[in-house]
Amino acid sequence: MLTLAFCVFVSFVAVALCSRTSFLYPVQDWADPNCFFTTGKSMLNGFVLYRDILEQKGIILYALHSIGYLISNTTFFGVYLIQVLSFSVFLLFVYKTCTLFLSVNKALAIVPLTAMVALTCDGYANGDSAEEFCLPLMAIGLYTLFKYFNKSIVRYKTAPLWVMLVNGVCGGIVLWIKYTMLGFWLGLLGVVLIICFSRNKNADGLKHLGMFLLGGFLVTLLCVGYFVVNGAVDDMINTYFLINIFSYSANAATPSLLQKLLNTLLQVGMGMGQNLLVAIITVLGLAGFTISKRFIKTTILKILYIPLFLITLSFIYIGGTSWAYYYFITSGFMVAGFITLFTYMPIWIRKIFSSTGYVEGLSSKARCAMLILVTVSSIAGAYFFSSNTKMIGVPQEITSQYVIAKEIQKVENSTILNYGCLDGGFYTVTGKLPVTKYFCKLNIPYKAYPEMVDTQNSIIRNAAVDFVIINTYKKEFPPAEEIPYLLTNYRLVTECSSKNNKTGDYSLYIRKSL
């Protein structure tokens, strides 16, 4: 219980410092979480996912944000609490994995260090990505792999069947959050099967396969059941699978397999470069666990550990697009790097962290003081190295979202449209529900899905909403003069800029008849 409490404490503080969803920040202005939140709250208010509201991630991600909405319907505080819970599970299984190879004291010291590195990398972005909620599931997978399948032939004994059932459930959850991260679980399954078959444990391998598939099936059954009940199976298949596979990817039309491979390698390199410290620690772990005889006892697992990482990467980047946050899921592999580092660190440091017997309570004052020092230093590092903390203390009322919300709320029961860009957070801070399936413009090319832009243009042409918010960052979005019928039916109310309002360049237009 003390270990769990420690993980929750580190998670609570570190996520509060590094995620813009927390109570320390005036607003969460990253578009992706706002898309998730708007979709989640819409589902709780009668909208059917993919049929009545368009977003491209999986239903479980929106269910999590629905829970967050129930806790706080105009802020991300509820989502922040879910993030804390999720990251606590991640840190707990990082700790448990470390105790397979290190003393308790070293394992405890790794917990805050892992939090600092993971939450300050570019991949963490503003907090609340799909990757963040899959990270604890990866930690569970790595823990079970090292605990139950890292045994020499002499010591080998069949792993409990529930182990692969749990991993199947985790894989099923990832499938219905963001399936491009599923590579790790498919790789994990492959490693387990190869270990079993190489030892002539064919029956065990088939049982593990069956339990893994059963776990994934149970999750899928619940998710698909939602669409069956709501008559939206076709919408789900078309949006979550077909549009994502054939329209969202930058490489969808690339004819050459070699070009796809080279582009994927380029994107992986960019991801590692954007998250350099995570990449360095991960590579250290890959090398340490492959070369050293101290960690992996199973030859097959030693051979397949690096391929497991590469399979994870290939699924993430095979689409050909690259955002810094894509790489965040690989933070789970850092645990091997920290284990390697703490194993081969200078002897005088090892003596500080060494322990004998049961020291869960850290009875040694010196060791307790050292753990406190590492924890405080890591929290301080999280504050100083996070790119988000510059927003702590910014008055809420000056942000673009709240300046615009103040104007919108002057008109009772008003309706809004977030035009031509991803969700800027205006549905969230105003508490408004969308009036259309296409509540924002997703990153889908017009030729691939013209209905989205055409519907938004039709709403403006018919003056069907009271307010229209446009993004005025001129490098990416059309100016008001180029938006059909906007200046005919609407007049400018206010303009916000990143320079003055900190959270984006937006303009608010009101229907002229109001």
Protein backbone atom coordinates (compact mmCIF):
# COMPACT_ATOMS: atom_id res chain seq x y z
CA MET A 1 0.00 0.00 0.00
CA LEU A 2 2.88 2.38 0.75
CA THR A 3 4.30 1.79 -2.71
CA LEU A 4 0.93 2.44 -4.32
CA ALA A 5 0.50 5.62 -2.27
CA PHE A 6 3.96 6.77 -3.36
CA CYS A 7 3.12 6.16 -7.03
CA VAL A 8 -0.16 8.05 -6.68
CA PHE A 9 1.60 10.96 -4.97
CA VAL A 10 4.26 11.22 -7.67
CA SER A 11 1.60 10.92 -10.37
CA PHE A 12 -0.67 13.53 -8.78
CA VAL A 13 2.10 16.12 -8.50
CA ALA A 14 3.92 15.39 -11.76
CA VAL A 15 0.76 15.32 -13.90
CA ALA A 16 -0.46 18.50 -12.18
CA LEU A 17 2.76 20.25 -13.16
CA CYS A 18 3.07 18.93 -16.71
CA SER A 19 -0.48 18.52 -18.04
CA ARG A 20 -2.59 21.51 -19.02
CA THR A 21 -5.66 19.60 -17.89
CA SER A 22 -4.72 20.15 -14.26
CA PHE A 23 -6.04 22.74 -11.83
CA LEU A 24 -2.76 24.69 -12.10
CA TYR A 25 -3.51 25.75 -15.68
CA PRO A 26 -6.08 28.26 -16.92
CA VAL A 27 -7.30 26.10 -19.80
CA GLN A 28 -6.45 23.04 -21.88
CA ASP A 29 -5.93 24.60 -25.30
CA TRP A 30 -4.58 21.57 -27.18
CA ALA A 31 -7.07 20.68 -29.88
CA ASP A 32 -6.93 16.89 -29.55
CA PRO A 33 -8.13 16.65 -25.92
CA ASN A 34 -10.89 19.14 -26.67
CA CYS A 35 -12.03 16.97 -29.58
CA PHE A 36 -12.10 13.98 -27.22
CA PHE A 37 -13.98 15.93 -24.53
CA THR A 38 -16.59 17.33 -26.91
CA THR A 39 -17.17 13.87 -28.36
CA GLY A 40 -17.39 12.26 -24.92
CA LYS A 41 -19.91 14.76 -23.58
CA SER A 42 -21.94 14.56 -26.80
CA MET A 43 -22.24 10.79 -26.34
CA LEU A 44 -23.67 11.37 -22.87
CA ASN A 45 -26.18 13.82 -24.35
CA GLY A 46 -27.71 11.50 -26.93
CA PHE A 47 -25.23 11.66 -29.82
CA VAL A 48 -24.17 8.31 -31.26
CA LEU A 49 -20.45 8.08 -31.96
CA TYR A 50 -19.50 8.22 -35.66
CA ARG A 51 -23.16 8.48 -36.72
CA ASP A 52 -24.05 11.79 -35.03
CA ILE A 53 -20.59 13.06 -34.02
CA LEU A 54 -17.40 12.61 -36.05
CA GLU A 55 -14.03 11.92 -34.45
CA GLN A 56 -11.34 9.44 -35.43
CA LYS A 57 -10.15 7.72 -32.27
CA GLY A 58 -11.78 4.78 -30.50
CA ILE A 59 -14.83 4.59 -28.29
CA ILE A 60 -12.96 3.78 -25.07
CA LEU A 61 -11.04 7.05 -25.29
CA TYR A 62 -14.31 8.97 -25.52
CA ALA A 63 -15.82 6.92 -22.70
CA LEU A 64 -12.95 8.05 -20.46
CA HIS A 65 -13.67 11.66 -21.36
CA SER A 66 -17.38 11.08 -20.73
CA ILE A 67 -16.44 10.15 -17.17
CA GLY A 68 -14.31 13.28 -16.96
CA TYR A 69 -17.29 15.32 -18.16
CA LEU A 70 -19.47 13.87 -15.39
CA ILE A 71 -16.94 15.09 -12.82
CA SER A 72 -16.54 18.57 -14.33
CA ASN A 73 -18.54 19.55 -17.40
CA THR A 74 -16.71 22.77 -18.38
CA THR A 75 -13.13 21.99 -17.34
CA PHE A 76 -10.67 19.12 -17.67
CA PHE A 77 -10.39 18.51 -13.93
CA GLY A 78 -12.21 15.19 -14.21
CA VAL A 79 -9.93 14.14 -17.05
CA TYR A 80 -6.94 15.16 -14.94
CA LEU A 81 -8.06 12.78 -12.19
CA ILE A 82 -8.33 9.96 -14.74
CA GLN A 83 -4.84 10.83 -16.00
CA VAL A 84 -3.51 10.63 -12.44
CA LEU A 85 -5.08 7.20 -12.00
CA SER A 86 -3.73 6.00 -15.34
CA PHE A 87 -0.21 7.29 -14.72
CA SER A 88 -0.24 5.84 -11.19
CA VAL A 89 -0.86 2.39 -12.67
CA PHE A 90 1.99 2.98 -15.10
CA LEU A 91 4.39 3.96 -12.31
CA LEU A 92 3.28 1.03 -10.15
CA PHE A 93 4.12 -1.48 -12.87
CA VAL A 94 7.39 0.31 -13.62
CA TYR A 95 8.20 -0.25 -9.95
CA LYS A 96 7.09 -3.88 -10.03
CA THR A 97 9.19 -4.53 -13.14
CA CYS A 98 12.22 -2.93 -11.50
CA THR A 99 11.87 -5.17 -8.42
CA LEU A 100 12.34 -8.20 -10.68
CA PHE A 101 15.94 -7.07 -11.23
CA LEU A 102 16.78 -4.49 -8.54
CA SER A 103 16.37 -3.78 -4.84
CA VAL A 104 13.26 -2.08 -3.56
CA ASN A 105 15.14 1.15 -2.89
CA LYS A 106 16.44 1.40 -6.43
CA ALA A 107 12.99 0.56 -7.80
CA LEU A 108 11.42 3.33 -5.73
CA ALA A 109 14.03 5.84 -6.92
CA ILE A 110 13.26 4.98 -10.54
CA VAL A 111 9.57 5.87 -10.11
CA PRO A 112 9.94 9.69 -9.88
CA LEU A 113 12.77 9.70 -12.43
CA THR A 114 10.55 7.89 -14.92
CA ALA A 115 7.74 10.37 -14.27
CA MET A 116 10.03 13.34 -14.85
CA VAL A 117 11.49 12.06 -18.13
CA ALA A 118 8.17 10.82 -19.54
CA LEU A 119 6.11 13.90 -18.69
CA THR A 120 8.66 16.46 -19.86
CA CYS A 121 9.39 14.95 -23.27
CA ASP A 122 7.92 16.57 -26.38
CA GLY A 123 5.72 13.53 -26.86
CA TYR A 124 3.69 14.36 -23.77
CA ALA A 125 2.58 17.57 -25.52
CA ASN A 126 -0.05 19.36 -23.39
CA GLY A 127 -1.21 16.18 -21.71
CA ASP A 128 -4.26 13.97 -22.37
CA SER A 129 -3.30 12.10 -25.51
CA ALA A 130 -4.54 8.65 -26.49
CA GLU A 131 -0.98 7.41 -25.97
CA GLU A 132 -1.08 8.46 -22.33
CA PHE A 133 -3.92 6.08 -21.52
CA CYS A 134 -2.26 3.16 -23.31
CA LEU A 135 1.04 3.58 -21.46
CA PRO A 136 0.00 1.72 -18.26
CA LEU A 137 -1.25 -1.17 -20.39
CA MET A 138 2.19 -1.45 -21.99
CA ALA A 139 3.79 -1.40 -18.53
CA ILE A 140 1.56 -4.31 -17.52
CA GLY A 141 2.60 -6.20 -20.65
CA LEU A 142 6.33 -5.72 -20.06
CA TYR A 143 5.98 -6.70 -16.41
CA THR A 144 4.19 -9.95 -17.21
CA LEU A 145 6.65 -10.73 -19.99
CA PHE A 146 9.68 -10.39 -17.71
CA LYS A 147 8.05 -12.06 -14.71
CA TYR A 148 6.46 -15.09 -16.32
CA PHE A 149 8.40 -15.74 -19.53
CA ASN A 150 11.95 -14.76 -18.55
CA LYS A 151 13.06 -18.17 -17.29
CA SER A 152 15.75 -20.58 -18.35
CA ILE A 153 14.73 -23.97 -19.75
CA VAL A 154 15.66 -25.65 -16.47
CA ARG A 155 13.43 -23.32 -14.45
CA TYR A 156 10.68 -23.06 -17.06
CA LYS A 157 7.17 -23.64 -15.87
CA THR A 158 3.96 -22.80 -17.65
CA ALA A 159 2.83 -19.24 -16.99
CA PRO A 160 -0.68 -18.88 -15.56
CA LEU A 161 -3.30 -18.57 -18.29
CA TRP A 162 -4.71 -15.42 -16.73
CA VAL A 163 -1.50 -13.61 -17.70
CA MET A 164 -2.34 -13.71 -21.38
CA LEU A 165 -6.03 -13.09 -20.67
CA VAL A 166 -5.02 -9.82 -18.98
CA ASN A 167 -2.76 -8.92 -21.90
CA GLY A 168 -5.58 -9.73 -24.31
CA VAL A 169 -7.87 -7.37 -22.41
CA CYS A 170 -5.16 -4.69 -22.53
CA GLY A 171 -4.72 -5.25 -26.25
CA GLY A 172 -8.48 -5.03 -26.75
CA ILE A 173 -8.61 -1.73 -24.89
CA VAL A 174 -5.82 -0.36 -27.08
CA LEU A 175 -7.66 -1.57 -30.19
CA TRP A 176 -10.59 0.63 -29.19
CA ILE A 177 -8.50 3.63 -28.14
CA LYS A 178 -6.06 3.92 -31.04
CA TYR A 179 -5.22 0.76 -32.92
CA THR A 180 -1.94 1.98 -34.40
CA MET A 181 -0.45 1.29 -30.96
CA LEU A 182 -1.50 -2.36 -31.12
CA GLY A 183 1.89 -3.43 -32.49
CA PHE A 184 3.32 -3.96 -29.01
CA TRP A 185 0.59 -6.44 -28.04
CA LEU A 186 0.82 -8.36 -31.29
CA GLY A 187 4.59 -8.48 -30.82
CA LEU A 188 4.14 -9.60 -27.21
CA LEU A 189 1.84 -12.40 -28.33
CA GLY A 190 4.37 -13.44 -30.98
CA VAL A 191 7.19 -13.54 -28.42
CA VAL A 192 5.15 -15.71 -26.05
CA LEU A 193 4.15 -18.13 -28.81
CA ILE A 194 7.73 -18.46 -30.07
CA ILE A 195 8.97 -19.13 -26.52
CA CYS A 196 6.34 -21.84 -26.04
CA PHE A 197 6.80 -23.49 -29.42
CA SER A 198 10.60 -23.42 -29.17
CA ARG A 199 10.32 -25.48 -25.96
CA ASN A 200 7.86 -27.96 -27.45
CA LYS A 201 5.10 -26.51 -25.29
CA ASN A 202 2.71 -26.33 -28.22
CA ALA A 203 -0.38 -26.90 -26.09
CA ASP A 204 0.68 -24.11 -23.74
CA GLY A 205 1.22 -21.81 -26.70
CA LEU A 206 -2.24 -22.50 -28.06
CA LYS A 207 -3.79 -21.96 -24.64
CA HIS A 208 -2.01 -18.62 -24.30
CA LEU A 209 -3.17 -17.66 -27.78
CA GLY A 210 -6.74 -18.60 -26.93
CA MET A 211 -6.72 -16.61 -23.69
CA PHE A 212 -5.23 -13.56 -25.41
CA LEU A 213 -7.88 -13.67 -28.12
CA LEU A 214 -10.59 -14.20 -25.51
CA GLY A 215 -9.50 -11.09 -23.62
CA GLY A 216 -9.51 -9.00 -26.77
CA PHE A 217 -12.84 -10.46 -27.83
CA LEU A 218 -14.54 -9.56 -24.54
CA VAL A 219 -13.51 -5.92 -24.86
CA THR A 220 -14.46 -5.84 -28.53
CA LEU A 221 -17.83 -7.41 -27.77
CA LEU A 222 -18.68 -4.58 -25.39
CA CYS A 223 -17.53 -1.90 -27.80
CA VAL A 224 -19.22 -3.32 -30.88
CA GLY A 225 -22.34 -3.93 -28.80
CA TYR A 226 -22.71 -0.15 -28.38
CA PHE A 227 -22.80 0.31 -32.16
CA VAL A 228 -25.14 -2.64 -32.69
CA VAL A 229 -27.63 -1.29 -30.16
CA ASN A 230 -27.48 2.17 -31.76
CA GLY A 231 -27.56 0.96 -35.35
CA ALA A 232 -24.19 2.52 -36.13
CA VAL A 233 -22.00 -0.45 -37.10
CA ASP A 234 -21.56 0.81 -40.67
CA ASP A 235 -20.64 4.28 -39.40
CA MET A 236 -18.08 2.74 -37.06
CA ILE A 237 -16.46 0.64 -39.78
CA ASN A 238 -16.41 3.51 -42.24
CA THR A 239 -15.00 6.10 -39.82
CA TYR A 240 -12.77 4.25 -37.38
CA PHE A 241 -11.27 1.86 -39.87
CA LEU A 242 -11.75 2.86 -43.51
CA ILE A 243 -11.31 6.64 -43.23
CA ASN A 244 -8.38 6.29 -40.84
CA ILE A 245 -6.63 3.72 -43.00
CA PHE A 246 -7.24 5.19 -46.44
CA SER A 247 -7.73 8.93 -45.90
CA TYR A 248 -5.91 10.07 -42.78
CA SER A 249 -2.49 8.71 -43.71
CA ALA A 250 -0.11 10.90 -45.66
CA ASN A 251 1.26 7.80 -47.37
CA ALA A 252 -2.09 6.30 -48.33
CA ALA A 253 -1.43 6.84 -52.03
CA THR A 254 2.29 5.99 -52.00
CA PRO A 255 2.77 3.27 -54.64
CA SER A 256 6.19 1.99 -53.61
CA LEU A 257 6.71 -0.30 -50.64
CA LEU A 258 10.31 0.90 -50.46
CA GLN A 259 9.14 4.51 -50.23
CA LYS A 260 6.81 3.58 -47.39
CA LEU A 261 9.63 1.84 -45.56
CA LEU A 262 12.03 4.74 -46.02
CA ASN A 263 9.40 7.24 -44.94
CA THR A 264 8.60 5.16 -41.86
CA LEU A 265 12.30 5.09 -40.93
CA LEU A 266 12.42 8.85 -41.40
CA GLN A 267 9.40 9.35 -39.14
CA VAL A 268 10.89 7.07 -36.48
CA GLY A 269 14.10 9.09 -36.59
CA MET A 270 12.14 12.31 -36.22
CA GLY A 271 10.20 10.89 -33.30
CA MET A 272 13.38 9.82 -31.53
CA GLY A 273 14.97 13.20 -32.21
CA GLN A 274 11.97 15.04 -30.79
CA ASN A 275 12.04 12.84 -27.67
CA LEU A 276 15.79 12.47 -27.36
CA LEU A 277 16.15 11.64 -23.66
CA VAL A 278 13.39 9.02 -23.82
CA ALA A 279 15.08 7.55 -26.89
CA ILE A 280 18.52 7.45 -25.24
CA ILE A 281 17.23 5.70 -22.10
CA THR A 282 15.22 3.29 -24.24
CA VAL A 283 18.22 2.40 -26.43
CA LEU A 284 20.32 1.91 -23.29
CA GLY A 285 17.73 -0.59 -22.08
CA LEU A 286 17.54 -2.37 -25.42
CA ALA A 287 21.32 -2.76 -25.42
CA GLY A 288 21.56 -3.71 -21.76
CA PHE A 289 18.82 -6.33 -21.86
CA THR A 290 20.17 -7.81 -25.08
CA ILE A 291 23.89 -7.87 -24.28
CA SER A 292 24.02 -8.41 -20.51
CA LYS A 293 23.46 -11.83 -18.98
CA ARG A 294 22.05 -10.31 -15.79
CA PHE A 295 18.56 -9.51 -16.99
CA ILE A 296 17.01 -11.78 -19.62
CA LYS A 297 17.57 -15.48 -18.98
CA THR A 298 15.51 -16.77 -21.90
CA THR A 299 17.57 -16.79 -25.09
CA ILE A 300 14.50 -16.40 -27.30
CA LEU A 301 13.29 -13.40 -25.31
CA LYS A 302 16.77 -11.85 -25.47
CA ILE A 303 16.77 -12.24 -29.25
CA LEU A 304 13.22 -10.93 -29.67
CA TYR A 305 13.31 -7.97 -27.26
CA ILE A 306 14.63 -5.47 -29.81
CA PRO A 307 12.25 -6.78 -32.54
CA LEU A 308 9.39 -6.26 -30.07
CA PHE A 309 10.36 -2.59 -29.83
CA LEU A 310 10.72 -2.30 -33.60
CA ILE A 311 7.28 -3.86 -34.19
CA THR A 312 5.84 -1.31 -31.76
CA LEU A 313 7.45 1.52 -33.73
CA SER A 314 6.47 0.15 -37.13
CA PHE A 315 2.77 0.11 -36.27
CA ILE A 316 2.93 3.65 -34.89
CA TYR A 317 4.61 5.16 -37.94
CA ILE A 318 3.55 2.92 -40.82
CA GLY A 319 0.91 5.47 -41.81
CA GLY A 320 3.64 7.88 -42.84
CA THR A 321 2.68 10.80 -40.59
CA SER A 322 4.65 11.93 -37.57
CA TRP A 323 3.66 14.03 -34.58
CA ALA A 324 5.89 14.28 -31.52
CA TYR A 325 3.24 12.67 -29.31
CA TYR A 326 3.22 9.47 -31.39
CA TYR A 327 6.51 8.48 -29.77
CA PHE A 328 5.20 8.91 -26.21
CA ILE A 329 3.93 5.33 -25.96
CA THR A 330 7.52 4.07 -26.21
CA SER A 331 8.19 5.64 -22.80
CA GLY A 332 7.15 2.25 -21.45
CA PHE A 333 10.41 0.77 -22.73
CA MET A 334 12.44 3.19 -20.59
CA VAL A 335 12.09 0.84 -17.63
CA ALA A 336 14.80 -1.43 -19.04
CA GLY A 337 17.07 1.57 -19.52
CA PHE A 338 16.70 2.68 -15.92
CA ILE A 339 17.26 -0.89 -14.71
CA THR A 340 20.45 -1.08 -16.77
CA LEU A 341 21.58 2.32 -15.52
CA PHE A 342 20.99 1.50 -11.86
CA THR A 343 22.67 -1.88 -12.25
CA TYR A 344 25.86 -0.54 -13.76
CA MET A 345 26.00 2.85 -12.03
CA PRO A 346 29.19 3.72 -10.07
CA ILE A 347 29.68 1.55 -7.00
CA TRP A 348 29.40 4.43 -4.51
CA ILE A 349 25.92 5.26 -5.80
CA ARG A 350 24.94 1.58 -5.70
CA LYS A 351 25.88 1.46 -2.01
CA ILE A 352 23.53 4.34 -1.26
CA PHE A 353 20.61 2.52 -2.83
CA SER A 354 21.57 -1.00 -1.78
CA SER A 355 19.27 -2.81 0.61
CA THR A 356 18.94 -6.11 2.36
CA GLY A 357 15.79 -7.76 3.49
CA TYR A 358 12.38 -6.13 3.49
CA VAL A 359 12.66 -2.35 3.42
CA GLU A 360 9.23 -1.35 2.17
CA GLY A 361 9.06 1.27 4.91
CA LEU A 362 12.60 2.53 4.19
CA SER A 363 13.72 2.12 7.80
CA SER A 364 17.17 3.56 7.08
CA LYS A 365 17.07 7.34 7.50
CA ALA A 366 19.82 7.78 4.96
CA ARG A 367 17.99 5.80 2.31
CA CYS A 368 14.76 7.59 3.09
CA ALA A 369 16.50 10.94 2.77
CA MET A 370 18.02 9.89 -0.55
CA LEU A 371 14.61 8.83 -1.89
CA ILE A 372 13.12 12.16 -0.79
CA LEU A 373 15.98 13.97 -2.52
CA VAL A 374 15.45 12.03 -5.76
CA THR A 375 11.69 12.62 -5.60
CA VAL A 376 11.97 16.35 -4.90
CA SER A 377 14.64 16.73 -7.58
CA SER A 378 12.48 14.88 -10.10
CA ILE A 379 9.45 17.03 -9.31
CA ALA A 380 11.60 20.16 -9.62
CA GLY A 381 12.93 18.80 -12.91
CA ALA A 382 9.38 18.22 -14.11
CA TYR A 383 8.60 21.87 -13.41
CA PHE A 384 11.72 23.29 -15.03
CA PHE A 385 11.92 21.00 -18.07
CA SER A 386 8.25 20.85 -19.03
CA SER A 387 7.34 23.14 -21.91
CA ASN A 388 3.90 23.67 -20.37
CA THR A 389 4.76 25.23 -17.01
CA LYS A 390 5.15 28.69 -18.52
CA MET A 391 1.33 28.73 -18.60
CA ILE A 392 0.97 28.18 -14.85
CA GLY A 393 -0.34 31.36 -13.28
CA VAL A 394 -1.73 32.85 -16.49
CA PRO A 395 -5.12 34.41 -15.62
CA GLN A 396 -7.96 32.35 -17.02
CA GLU A 397 -9.93 35.39 -18.12
CA ILE A 398 -7.28 36.56 -20.62
CA THR A 399 -7.08 33.28 -22.57
CA SER A 400 -8.64 33.14 -26.01
CA GLN A 401 -11.14 30.49 -24.93
CA TYR A 402 -12.53 32.50 -22.01
CA VAL A 403 -12.48 35.87 -23.81
CA ILE A 404 -14.60 34.36 -26.56
CA ALA A 405 -16.77 32.39 -24.12
CA LYS A 406 -17.63 35.61 -22.29
CA GLU A 407 -19.04 37.09 -25.49
CA ILE A 408 -20.93 33.92 -26.40
CA GLN A 409 -22.58 33.69 -22.99
CA LYS A 410 -24.12 37.13 -23.45
CA VAL A 411 -26.65 35.48 -25.78
CA GLU A 412 -28.86 32.96 -23.98
CA ASN A 413 -29.19 29.46 -25.43
CA SER A 414 -26.85 30.39 -28.26
CA THR A 415 -25.29 27.91 -30.68
CA ILE A 416 -21.72 27.84 -31.94
CA LEU A 417 -19.62 26.38 -34.74
CA ASN A 418 -15.88 25.77 -34.53
CA TYR A 419 -15.15 26.37 -38.22
CA GLY A 420 -12.34 25.06 -40.38
CA CYS A 421 -10.00 23.76 -37.69
CA LEU A 422 -9.73 21.28 -34.86
CA ASP A 423 -11.68 21.93 -31.65
CA GLY A 424 -10.16 24.98 -29.96
CA GLY A 425 -11.84 24.34 -26.60
CA PHE A 426 -14.85 26.60 -27.07
CA TYR A 427 -17.44 23.83 -26.72
CA THR A 428 -15.74 22.89 -23.45
CA VAL A 429 -15.51 26.27 -21.71
CA THR A 430 -18.99 27.38 -22.81
CA GLY A 431 -20.60 24.05 -21.99
CA LYS A 432 -22.19 24.04 -25.46
CA LEU A 433 -23.10 20.95 -27.46
CA PRO A 434 -22.40 20.77 -31.19
CA VAL A 435 -25.20 21.47 -33.65
CA THR A 436 -23.68 19.25 -36.31
CA LYS A 437 -21.87 15.97 -36.70
CA TYR A 438 -18.94 17.99 -38.03
CA PHE A 439 -18.35 20.12 -34.94
CA CYS A 440 -14.80 20.88 -36.10
CA LYS A 441 -12.62 20.15 -39.10
CA LEU A 442 -10.50 17.05 -38.66
CA ASN A 443 -7.21 16.52 -40.46
CA ILE A 444 -8.77 14.72 -43.41
CA PRO A 445 -8.12 15.97 -46.96
CA TYR A 446 -11.14 17.60 -48.60
CA LYS A 447 -11.07 15.20 -51.56
CA ALA A 448 -11.24 12.23 -49.23
CA TYR A 449 -14.20 13.50 -47.20
CA PRO A 450 -15.81 16.64 -48.70
CA GLU A 451 -19.00 16.35 -46.63
CA MET A 452 -17.26 17.68 -43.52
CA VAL A 453 -16.25 21.05 -45.00
CA ASP A 454 -19.35 21.28 -47.19
CA THR A 455 -21.63 20.87 -44.18
CA GLN A 456 -19.81 23.56 -42.21
CA ASN A 457 -20.02 25.91 -45.21
CA SER A 458 -23.74 25.16 -45.52
CA ILE A 459 -24.30 26.09 -41.87
CA ILE A 460 -22.65 29.47 -42.43
CA ARG A 461 -24.49 30.04 -45.71
CA ASN A 462 -27.82 29.43 -43.97
CA ALA A 463 -26.80 31.35 -40.82
CA ALA A 464 -27.81 28.25 -38.89
CA VAL A 465 -25.74 29.02 -35.78
CA ASP A 466 -25.47 32.15 -33.66
CA PHE A 467 -21.67 32.27 -33.42
CA VAL A 468 -18.82 31.11 -35.63
CA ILE A 469 -15.26 30.79 -34.34
CA ILE A 470 -12.44 30.71 -36.87
CA ASN A 471 -8.73 30.16 -36.45
CA THR A 472 -6.79 33.16 -37.76
CA TYR A 473 -3.33 31.64 -37.75
CA LYS A 474 -2.80 32.70 -41.34
CA LYS A 475 -0.26 30.10 -42.38
CA GLU A 476 -2.77 27.27 -42.12
CA PHE A 477 -6.32 28.58 -42.27
CA PRO A 478 -8.30 30.70 -44.76
CA PRO A 479 -8.99 34.34 -43.81
CA ALA A 480 -12.56 35.43 -43.15
CA GLU A 481 -12.81 36.97 -46.63
CA GLU A 482 -12.35 33.56 -48.22
CA ILE A 483 -14.95 31.74 -46.13
CA PRO A 484 -18.18 31.57 -48.18
CA TYR A 485 -20.99 33.77 -46.79
CA LEU A 486 -19.25 34.42 -43.47
CA LEU A 487 -19.05 38.19 -43.88
CA THR A 488 -22.46 38.24 -45.55
CA ASN A 489 -24.26 36.65 -42.60
CA TYR A 490 -21.97 37.40 -39.65
CA ARG A 491 -20.08 40.34 -38.16
CA LEU A 492 -16.88 40.35 -36.14
CA VAL A 493 -17.25 40.50 -32.34
CA THR A 494 -13.73 40.03 -31.03
CA GLU A 495 -10.27 38.86 -32.02
CA CYS A 496 -7.74 37.00 -29.90
CA SER A 497 -4.06 36.39 -30.51
CA SER A 498 -1.43 34.07 -29.10
CA LYS A 499 0.65 37.11 -28.19
CA ASN A 500 -2.03 38.75 -26.04
CA ASN A 501 -4.23 35.84 -25.07
CA LYS A 502 -1.64 33.04 -24.88
CA THR A 503 -3.81 30.22 -26.21
CA GLY A 504 -4.31 30.68 -29.92
CA ASP A 505 -5.31 33.07 -32.69
CA TYR A 506 -9.10 33.10 -33.02
CA SER A 507 -11.87 35.43 -34.15
CA LEU A 508 -15.49 35.31 -33.07
CA TYR A 509 -18.34 36.22 -35.42
CA ILE A 510 -21.99 36.73 -34.47
CA ARG A 511 -25.02 36.39 -36.72
CA LYS A 512 -26.00 39.83 -38.00
CA SER A 513 -29.64 39.34 -37.05
CA LEU A 514 -28.73 39.19 -33.34
